[in-house]
Amino acid sequence: MLILAYHRVNPEVRDGLSVAPSTLRHHLETLIGRGWSNVVLEEEIGTDPDALPPKTFAVTFDDGYQDNFFHAAPILDDLGMRATVYLVSDMIDSDRPFPWLRLTAPDDFDEMDLHMNGGQLQAAGDRGVFTYGSHTATHPMLSELDRETASEEIARSKTDLERRLGVDITTFCYPAGNFNEETIELVADAGYDAAVVTPNRHIPESMLTLHRVGIYSHITPRLFALKTSRLFENAQKSSLFWDMRSRISRRRAA
């Protein structure tokens, strides 16, 4: 299964994590035009891979920005598609932007920079356009925390989201792709069926490290076609690919 990883969908593309609504629509229509079928990640966990159509893709959004509700959800609805949004549970109903936005632009943010509120989450969930997973309670770098604190971030988010939304939270997303072997153990201990990561290094794939393809503001139509190809999928699983990328990065920095 191809798993796409988006963050923000906003006509005012102000950072590398944003794509314009027209770009999201173009991406999804491109895949459908190439014969791909949209599925919901949580609903396919545990499914026999041979039972899936040969070209299936899931859409995911990290962080739960309000622009997902106002700009991404209508596009998905219009195209008859669904997506998983990974929520930062302590940020729901907050009037504060995410910490990294407060650092970069403390006085320049609007409602689109906030996390979705409870009413928006319920509305999108009731329409069936969004399902939800956990992105921790506060979005920390999990590998930098002691075991007890990391466990609390991972488990409490699941508990809080299930209580608030009245649904099972079965999948997890590692903030910034930051984790170690202990983190994976804690995710399993918390009762998640699967977890996703957008690789920034060679990561062996398992049910708790399902690979995604990151889609960002710099992705051109040609690059999108490449990143959603079998060639890129196979390369992302190869340690040789990541070794080559590391060497290129070191040369550029020298």
C-alpha atoms as a PDB file:
ATOM      1  CA  MET A   1       0.000   0.000   0.000  1.00  0.00           C
ATOM      2  CA  LEU A   2       1.195   3.485  -0.868  1.00  0.00           C
ATOM      3  CA  ILE A   3       0.774   5.797   2.146  1.00  0.00           C
ATOM      4  CA  LEU A   4       0.980   9.539   1.447  1.00  0.00           C
ATOM      5  CA  ALA A   5       2.037  11.875   4.265  1.00  0.00           C
ATOM      6  CA  TYR A   6       0.803  15.470   4.178  1.00  0.00           C
ATOM      7  CA  HIS A   7       0.732  18.132   6.871  1.00  0.00           C
ATOM      8  CA  ARG A   8      -0.915  21.396   5.930  1.00  0.00           C
ATOM      9  CA  VAL A   9      -3.298  22.204   3.053  1.00  0.00           C
ATOM     10  CA  ASN A  10      -3.476  25.949   2.756  1.00  0.00           C
ATOM     11  CA  PRO A  11      -3.806  28.452  -0.121  1.00  0.00           C
ATOM     12  CA  GLU A  12      -1.240  30.615   1.660  1.00  0.00           C
ATOM     13  CA  VAL A  13       1.700  28.221   1.422  1.00  0.00           C
ATOM     14  CA  ARG A  14       4.048  29.732   3.971  1.00  0.00           C
ATOM     15  CA  ASP A  15       6.335  26.843   4.823  1.00  0.00           C
ATOM     16  CA  GLY A  16       7.753  23.623   3.483  1.00  0.00           C
ATOM     17  CA  LEU A  17       5.061  21.490   5.127  1.00  0.00           C
ATOM     18  CA  SER A  18       2.191  23.143   3.217  1.00  0.00           C
ATOM     19  CA  VAL A  19       0.602  22.328  -0.104  1.00  0.00           C
ATOM     20  CA  ALA A  20      -2.072  24.376  -1.836  1.00  0.00           C
ATOM     21  CA  PRO A  21      -5.592  22.911  -2.043  1.00  0.00           C
ATOM     22  CA  SER A  22      -5.276  22.798  -5.831  1.00  0.00           C
ATOM     23  CA  THR A  23      -2.077  20.778  -5.448  1.00  0.00           C
ATOM     24  CA  LEU A  24      -3.747  18.236  -3.170  1.00  0.00           C
ATOM     25  CA  ARG A  25      -6.626  17.849  -5.627  1.00  0.00           C
ATOM     26  CA  HIS A  26      -4.199  17.409  -8.518  1.00  0.00           C
ATOM     27  CA  HIS A  27      -2.260  14.724  -6.616  1.00  0.00           C
ATOM     28  CA  LEU A  28      -5.372  12.722  -5.767  1.00  0.00           C
ATOM     29  CA  GLU A  29      -6.876  13.038  -9.239  1.00  0.00           C
ATOM     30  CA  THR A  30      -3.526  11.981 -10.733  1.00  0.00           C
ATOM     31  CA  LEU A  31      -3.489   8.777  -8.703  1.00  0.00           C
ATOM     32  CA  ILE A  32      -7.102   7.969  -9.551  1.00  0.00           C
ATOM     33  CA  GLY A  33      -6.309   8.634 -13.214  1.00  0.00           C
ATOM     34  CA  ARG A  34      -3.434   6.149 -12.967  1.00  0.00           C
ATOM     35  CA  GLY A  35      -5.806   3.463 -11.716  1.00  0.00           C
ATOM     36  CA  TRP A  36      -5.101   3.689  -7.970  1.00  0.00           C
ATOM     37  CA  SER A  37      -7.822   3.034  -5.359  1.00  0.00           C
ATOM     38  CA  ASN A  38      -8.149   5.007  -2.122  1.00  0.00           C
ATOM     39  CA  VAL A  39      -8.371   3.017   1.119  1.00  0.00           C
ATOM     40  CA  VAL A  40      -8.364   3.945   4.810  1.00  0.00           C
ATOM     41  CA  LEU A  41      -5.235   2.812   6.584  1.00  0.00           C
ATOM     42  CA  GLU A  42      -6.907   1.658   9.822  1.00  0.00           C
ATOM     43  CA  GLU A  43      -9.448  -0.440   7.952  1.00  0.00           C
ATOM     44  CA  GLU A  44      -6.761  -2.357   6.079  1.00  0.00           C
ATOM     45  CA  ILE A  45      -4.557  -3.257   9.062  1.00  0.00           C
ATOM     46  CA  GLY A  46      -4.441  -7.019   9.270  1.00  0.00           C
ATOM     47  CA  THR A  47      -5.856  -7.505   5.784  1.00  0.00           C
ATOM     48  CA  ASP A  48      -4.210 -10.122   3.604  1.00  0.00           C
ATOM     49  CA  PRO A  49      -2.130  -8.042   1.139  1.00  0.00           C
ATOM     50  CA  ASP A  50      -3.236 -10.366  -1.657  1.00  0.00           C
ATOM     51  CA  ALA A  51      -6.838  -9.346  -0.983  1.00  0.00           C
ATOM     52  CA  LEU A  52      -6.130  -5.679  -1.760  1.00  0.00           C
ATOM     53  CA  PRO A  53      -6.348  -4.273  -5.270  1.00  0.00           C
ATOM     54  CA  PRO A  54      -2.865  -4.145  -6.835  1.00  0.00           C
ATOM     55  CA  LYS A  55      -2.680  -0.326  -6.619  1.00  0.00           C
ATOM     56  CA  THR A  56      -4.059   1.062  -3.365  1.00  0.00           C
ATOM     57  CA  PHE A  57      -3.162   4.258  -1.520  1.00  0.00           C
ATOM     58  CA  ALA A  58      -3.992   5.802   1.830  1.00  0.00           C
ATOM     59  CA  VAL A  59      -3.837   9.513   2.635  1.00  0.00           C
ATOM     60  CA  THR A  60      -2.581  10.777   5.997  1.00  0.00           C
ATOM     61  CA  PHE A  61      -2.208  14.234   7.543  1.00  0.00           C
ATOM     62  CA  ASP A  62       0.054  14.972  10.497  1.00  0.00           C
ATOM     63  CA  ASP A  63      -0.650  17.410  13.356  1.00  0.00           C
ATOM     64  CA  GLY A  64      -4.372  18.096  12.807  1.00  0.00           C
ATOM     65  CA  TYR A  65      -4.253  21.678  11.592  1.00  0.00           C
ATOM     66  CA  GLN A  66      -7.568  23.454  11.086  1.00  0.00           C
ATOM     67  CA  ASP A  67      -6.711  23.943   7.421  1.00  0.00           C
ATOM     68  CA  ASN A  68      -7.166  20.169   7.075  1.00  0.00           C
ATOM     69  CA  PHE A  69     -10.828  20.687   8.005  1.00  0.00           C
ATOM     70  CA  PHE A  70     -11.444  23.784   5.879  1.00  0.00           C
ATOM     71  CA  HIS A  71      -9.381  22.917   2.789  1.00  0.00           C
ATOM     72  CA  ALA A  72      -8.508  19.203   2.679  1.00  0.00           C
ATOM     73  CA  ALA A  73     -11.803  17.694   3.858  1.00  0.00           C
ATOM     74  CA  PRO A  74     -13.970  19.320   1.138  1.00  0.00           C
ATOM     75  CA  ILE A  75     -11.615  18.031  -1.574  1.00  0.00           C
ATOM     76  CA  LEU A  76     -11.648  14.522  -0.172  1.00  0.00           C
ATOM     77  CA  ASP A  77     -15.431  14.694   0.175  1.00  0.00           C
ATOM     78  CA  ASP A  78     -15.827  15.873  -3.407  1.00  0.00           C
ATOM     79  CA  LEU A  79     -13.644  13.047  -4.722  1.00  0.00           C
ATOM     80  CA  GLY A  80     -15.276  10.413  -2.512  1.00  0.00           C
ATOM     81  CA  MET A  81     -12.047   9.768  -0.598  1.00  0.00           C
ATOM     82  CA  ARG A  82     -11.098   9.394   3.058  1.00  0.00           C
ATOM     83  CA  ALA A  83      -7.950  10.100   5.059  1.00  0.00           C
ATOM     84  CA  THR A  84      -6.370   9.544   8.464  1.00  0.00           C
ATOM     85  CA  VAL A  85      -5.404  12.582  10.534  1.00  0.00           C
ATOM     86  CA  TYR A  86      -2.792  12.142  13.271  1.00  0.00           C
ATOM     87  CA  LEU A  87      -3.829  14.316  16.200  1.00  0.00           C
ATOM     88  CA  VAL A  88      -1.802  15.945  18.981  1.00  0.00           C
ATOM     89  CA  SER A  89      -4.294  15.361  21.754  1.00  0.00           C
ATOM     90  CA  ASP A  90      -3.328  18.167  24.147  1.00  0.00           C
ATOM     91  CA  MET A  91      -3.667  20.733  21.332  1.00  0.00           C
ATOM     92  CA  ILE A  92      -7.342  20.030  20.640  1.00  0.00           C
ATOM     93  CA  ASP A  93      -9.493  23.084  21.505  1.00  0.00           C
ATOM     94  CA  SER A  94      -6.355  25.087  22.216  1.00  0.00           C
ATOM     95  CA  ASP A  95      -6.201  28.758  21.209  1.00  0.00           C
ATOM     96  CA  ARG A  96      -2.410  28.501  20.888  1.00  0.00           C
ATOM     97  CA  PRO A  97      -0.579  27.627  17.688  1.00  0.00           C
ATOM     98  CA  PHE A  98       1.840  24.740  17.666  1.00  0.00           C
ATOM     99  CA  PRO A  99       5.104  25.454  19.545  1.00  0.00           C
ATOM    100  CA  TRP A 100       7.238  25.549  16.400  1.00  0.00           C
ATOM    101  CA  LEU A 101       4.975  28.257  14.920  1.00  0.00           C
ATOM    102  CA  ARG A 102       5.200  30.317  18.090  1.00  0.00           C
ATOM    103  CA  LEU A 103       8.985  30.247  17.733  1.00  0.00           C
ATOM    104  CA  THR A 104       9.115  31.205  14.043  1.00  0.00           C
ATOM    105  CA  ALA A 105       6.215  33.670  13.865  1.00  0.00           C
ATOM    106  CA  PRO A 106       4.948  34.484  17.374  1.00  0.00           C
ATOM    107  CA  ASP A 107       2.649  37.329  16.250  1.00  0.00           C
ATOM    108  CA  ASP A 108       1.738  36.146  12.753  1.00  0.00           C
ATOM    109  CA  PHE A 109      -0.786  33.342  12.904  1.00  0.00           C
ATOM    110  CA  ASP A 110      -4.500  32.839  12.374  1.00  0.00           C
ATOM    111  CA  GLU A 111      -7.081  30.128  13.031  1.00  0.00           C
ATOM    112  CA  MET A 112      -5.654  27.960  10.250  1.00  0.00           C
ATOM    113  CA  ASP A 113      -2.481  27.629  12.336  1.00  0.00           C
ATOM    114  CA  LEU A 114      -4.422  26.100  15.230  1.00  0.00           C
ATOM    115  CA  HIS A 115      -5.265  22.463  15.864  1.00  0.00           C
ATOM    116  CA  MET A 116      -8.758  21.329  14.898  1.00  0.00           C
ATOM    117  CA  ASN A 117     -11.241  21.672  17.720  1.00  0.00           C
ATOM    118  CA  GLY A 118     -13.585  19.022  19.052  1.00  0.00           C
ATOM    119  CA  GLY A 119     -16.541  20.154  16.972  1.00  0.00           C
ATOM    120  CA  GLN A 120     -14.550  20.025  13.742  1.00  0.00           C
ATOM    121  CA  LEU A 121     -13.161  16.585  14.567  1.00  0.00           C
ATOM    122  CA  GLN A 122     -16.636  15.273  15.284  1.00  0.00           C
ATOM    123  CA  ALA A 123     -18.119  16.801  12.133  1.00  0.00           C
ATOM    124  CA  ALA A 124     -15.441  15.403   9.821  1.00  0.00           C
ATOM    125  CA  GLY A 125     -15.581  12.043  11.552  1.00  0.00           C
ATOM    126  CA  ASP A 126     -19.367  11.864  11.285  1.00  0.00           C
ATOM    127  CA  ARG A 127     -19.150  12.637   7.553  1.00  0.00           C
ATOM    128  CA  GLY A 128     -16.665   9.790   7.216  1.00  0.00           C
ATOM    129  CA  VAL A 129     -14.047  11.917   5.512  1.00  0.00           C
ATOM    130  CA  PHE A 130     -11.533  11.687   8.385  1.00  0.00           C
ATOM    131  CA  THR A 131     -10.496   8.852  10.640  1.00  0.00           C
ATOM    132  CA  TYR A 132      -8.051   9.540  13.447  1.00  0.00           C
ATOM    133  CA  GLY A 133      -4.789   8.303  14.879  1.00  0.00           C
ATOM    134  CA  SER A 134      -2.423   9.440  17.614  1.00  0.00           C
ATOM    135  CA  HIS A 135       0.522  11.798  17.175  1.00  0.00           C
ATOM    136  CA  THR A 136       1.299  11.865  20.928  1.00  0.00           C
ATOM    137  CA  ALA A 137      -0.054  14.258  23.539  1.00  0.00           C
ATOM    138  CA  THR A 138       2.348  17.186  22.993  1.00  0.00           C
ATOM    139  CA  HIS A 139       4.480  16.306  19.903  1.00  0.00           C
ATOM    140  CA  PRO A 140       7.864  15.766  21.600  1.00  0.00           C
ATOM    141  CA  MET A 141      10.992  14.104  20.232  1.00  0.00           C
ATOM    142  CA  LEU A 142      10.253  10.712  21.741  1.00  0.00           C
ATOM    143  CA  SER A 143      13.765   9.281  21.638  1.00  0.00           C
ATOM    144  CA  GLU A 144      14.986  12.165  23.799  1.00  0.00           C
ATOM    145  CA  LEU A 145      12.556  11.391  26.634  1.00  0.00           C
ATOM    146  CA  ASP A 146      13.013   9.003  29.513  1.00  0.00           C
ATOM    147  CA  ARG A 147      10.987   5.804  29.266  1.00  0.00           C
ATOM    148  CA  GLU A 148       8.250   6.863  31.685  1.00  0.00           C
ATOM    149  CA  THR A 149       7.630  10.208  29.970  1.00  0.00           C
ATOM    150  CA  ALA A 150       7.677   8.697  26.480  1.00  0.00           C
ATOM    151  CA  SER A 151       5.239   6.013  27.589  1.00  0.00           C
ATOM    152  CA  GLU A 152       2.893   8.638  29.019  1.00  0.00           C
ATOM    153  CA  GLU A 153       2.973  10.658  25.769  1.00  0.00           C
ATOM    154  CA  ILE A 154       2.152   7.602  23.672  1.00  0.00           C
ATOM    155  CA  ALA A 155      -0.466   5.957  25.894  1.00  0.00           C
ATOM    156  CA  ARG A 156      -2.260   9.049  27.202  1.00  0.00           C
ATOM    157  CA  SER A 157      -2.871  10.390  23.723  1.00  0.00           C
ATOM    158  CA  LYS A 158      -4.627   7.146  22.785  1.00  0.00           C
ATOM    159  CA  THR A 159      -6.738   7.155  25.924  1.00  0.00           C
ATOM    160  CA  ASP A 160      -7.679  10.836  25.638  1.00  0.00           C
ATOM    161  CA  LEU A 161      -8.601  10.599  21.953  1.00  0.00           C
ATOM    162  CA  GLU A 162     -10.735   7.502  22.473  1.00  0.00           C
ATOM    163  CA  ARG A 163     -12.583   9.153  25.341  1.00  0.00           C
ATOM    164  CA  ARG A 164     -13.100  12.405  23.446  1.00  0.00           C
ATOM    165  CA  LEU A 165     -14.009  10.974  20.041  1.00  0.00           C
ATOM    166  CA  GLY A 166     -15.706   7.744  21.036  1.00  0.00           C
ATOM    167  CA  VAL A 167     -13.716   5.668  18.532  1.00  0.00           C
ATOM    168  CA  ASP A 168     -10.863   3.191  18.765  1.00  0.00           C
ATOM    169  CA  ILE A 169      -7.456   4.735  18.064  1.00  0.00           C
ATOM    170  CA  THR A 170      -5.459   1.931  16.477  1.00  0.00           C
ATOM    171  CA  THR A 171      -2.599   3.663  14.637  1.00  0.00           C
ATOM    172  CA  PHE A 172       0.222   5.938  15.739  1.00  0.00           C
ATOM    173  CA  CYS A 173       2.553   8.388  14.007  1.00  0.00           C
ATOM    174  CA  TYR A 174       6.041   9.214  15.355  1.00  0.00           C
ATOM    175  CA  PRO A 175       6.538  13.011  15.590  1.00  0.00           C
ATOM    176  CA  ALA A 176       9.251  14.098  13.149  1.00  0.00           C
ATOM    177  CA  GLY A 177      10.012  10.424  12.498  1.00  0.00           C
ATOM    178  CA  ASN A 178      11.891  10.427  15.786  1.00  0.00           C
ATOM    179  CA  PHE A 179      12.028   7.074  17.583  1.00  0.00           C
ATOM    180  CA  ASN A 180      14.275   4.266  18.750  1.00  0.00           C
ATOM    181  CA  GLU A 181      13.782   0.608  19.616  1.00  0.00           C
ATOM    182  CA  GLU A 182      12.394   1.476  23.039  1.00  0.00           C
ATOM    183  CA  THR A 183       9.843   3.816  21.458  1.00  0.00           C
ATOM    184  CA  ILE A 184       8.585   1.019  19.214  1.00  0.00           C
ATOM    185  CA  GLU A 185       8.172  -1.220  22.270  1.00  0.00           C
ATOM    186  CA  LEU A 186       6.156   1.482  24.033  1.00  0.00           C
ATOM    187  CA  VAL A 187       3.864   1.904  21.020  1.00  0.00           C
ATOM    188  CA  ALA A 188       3.201  -1.833  21.034  1.00  0.00           C
ATOM    189  CA  ASP A 189       2.658  -1.828  24.809  1.00  0.00           C
ATOM    190  CA  ALA A 190       0.104   0.977  24.480  1.00  0.00           C
ATOM    191  CA  GLY A 191      -2.044  -1.249  22.260  1.00  0.00           C
ATOM    192  CA  TYR A 192      -1.635   0.268  18.819  1.00  0.00           C
ATOM    193  CA  ASP A 193      -2.023  -2.122  15.892  1.00  0.00           C
ATOM    194  CA  ALA A 194       0.291  -0.186  13.591  1.00  0.00           C
ATOM    195  CA  ALA A 195       2.452   2.927  13.374  1.00  0.00           C
ATOM    196  CA  VAL A 196       3.674   5.027  10.455  1.00  0.00           C
ATOM    197  CA  VAL A 197       6.884   6.874   9.752  1.00  0.00           C
ATOM    198  CA  THR A 198       8.136   9.051   6.909  1.00  0.00           C
ATOM    199  CA  PRO A 199      11.701   7.741   6.591  1.00  0.00           C
ATOM    200  CA  ASN A 200      14.626  10.151   6.794  1.00  0.00           C
ATOM    201  CA  ARG A 201      17.089   7.260   7.029  1.00  0.00           C
ATOM    202  CA  HIS A 202      17.088   3.520   6.425  1.00  0.00           C
ATOM    203  CA  ILE A 203      14.295   2.076   8.556  1.00  0.00           C
ATOM    204  CA  PRO A 204      13.382  -1.616   8.273  1.00  0.00           C
ATOM    205  CA  GLU A 205       9.656  -1.820   7.669  1.00  0.00           C
ATOM    206  CA  SER A 206       7.267  -3.568  10.053  1.00  0.00           C
ATOM    207  CA  MET A 207       3.704  -3.054  11.237  1.00  0.00           C
ATOM    208  CA  LEU A 208       5.069  -0.497  13.716  1.00  0.00           C
ATOM    209  CA  THR A 209       7.246   1.274  11.121  1.00  0.00           C
ATOM    210  CA  LEU A 210       5.037   1.408   8.050  1.00  0.00           C
ATOM    211  CA  HIS A 211       6.710   3.588   5.431  1.00  0.00           C
ATOM    212  CA  ARG A 212       5.019   6.700   4.071  1.00  0.00           C
ATOM    213  CA  VAL A 213       5.905   9.028   1.207  1.00  0.00           C
ATOM    214  CA  GLY A 214       6.318  12.621   2.383  1.00  0.00           C
ATOM    215  CA  ILE A 215       4.621  15.286   0.248  1.00  0.00           C
ATOM    216  CA  TYR A 216       5.800  18.849   0.773  1.00  0.00           C
ATOM    217  CA  SER A 217       5.610  22.294  -0.835  1.00  0.00           C
ATOM    218  CA  HIS A 218       8.577  21.710  -3.157  1.00  0.00           C
ATOM    219  CA  ILE A 219       7.116  18.571  -4.752  1.00  0.00           C
ATOM    220  CA  THR A 220       6.601  19.260  -8.461  1.00  0.00           C
ATOM    221  CA  PRO A 221       4.215  17.157 -10.582  1.00  0.00           C
ATOM    222  CA  ARG A 222       7.194  15.274 -12.012  1.00  0.00           C
ATOM    223  CA  LEU A 223       8.626  14.625  -8.550  1.00  0.00           C
ATOM    224  CA  PHE A 224       5.194  13.520  -7.309  1.00  0.00           C
ATOM    225  CA  ALA A 225       5.056  10.978 -10.130  1.00  0.00           C
ATOM    226  CA  LEU A 226       8.502   9.696  -9.125  1.00  0.00           C
ATOM    227  CA  LYS A 227       7.754   9.539  -5.386  1.00  0.00           C
ATOM    228  CA  THR A 228       4.573   7.552  -5.991  1.00  0.00           C
ATOM    229  CA  SER A 229       6.290   5.033  -8.264  1.00  0.00           C
ATOM    230  CA  ARG A 230       7.365   1.490  -7.445  1.00  0.00           C
ATOM    231  CA  LEU A 231      10.927   2.598  -8.168  1.00  0.00           C
ATOM    232  CA  PHE A 232      10.881   5.057  -5.269  1.00  0.00           C
ATOM    233  CA  GLU A 233       9.094   2.587  -3.000  1.00  0.00           C
ATOM    234  CA  ASN A 234      11.799  -0.001  -3.559  1.00  0.00           C
ATOM    235  CA  ALA A 235      14.580   2.587  -3.177  1.00  0.00           C
ATOM    236  CA  GLN A 236      13.186   3.841   0.149  1.00  0.00           C
ATOM    237  CA  LYS A 237      13.455   0.324   1.564  1.00  0.00           C
ATOM    238  CA  SER A 238      17.109  -0.012   0.514  1.00  0.00           C
ATOM    239  CA  SER A 239      20.016   0.823   2.806  1.00  0.00           C
ATOM    240  CA  LEU A 240      22.106   1.547  -0.311  1.00  0.00           C
ATOM    241  CA  PHE A 241      19.706   4.340  -1.287  1.00  0.00           C
ATOM    242  CA  TRP A 242      20.080   6.031   2.105  1.00  0.00           C
ATOM    243  CA  ASP A 243      23.858   5.567   2.094  1.00  0.00           C
ATOM    244  CA  MET A 244      24.024   7.355  -1.249  1.00  0.00           C
ATOM    245  CA  ARG A 245      21.812  10.189   0.007  1.00  0.00           C
ATOM    246  CA  SER A 246      24.013  10.584   3.062  1.00  0.00           C
ATOM    247  CA  ARG A 247      27.161  10.805   0.946  1.00  0.00           C
ATOM    248  CA  ILE A 248      25.595  13.421  -1.327  1.00  0.00           C
ATOM    249  CA  SER A 249      24.506  15.500   1.660  1.00  0.00           C
ATOM    250  CA  ARG A 250      27.994  15.368   3.176  1.00  0.00           C
ATOM    251  CA  ARG A 251      29.551  16.508  -0.109  1.00  0.00           C
ATOM    252  CA  ARG A 252      27.159  19.450  -0.380  1.00  0.00           C
ATOM    253  CA  ALA A 253      27.921  20.479   3.191  1.00  0.00           C
ATOM    254  CA  ALA A 254      31.690  20.248   2.713  1.00  0.00           C
END
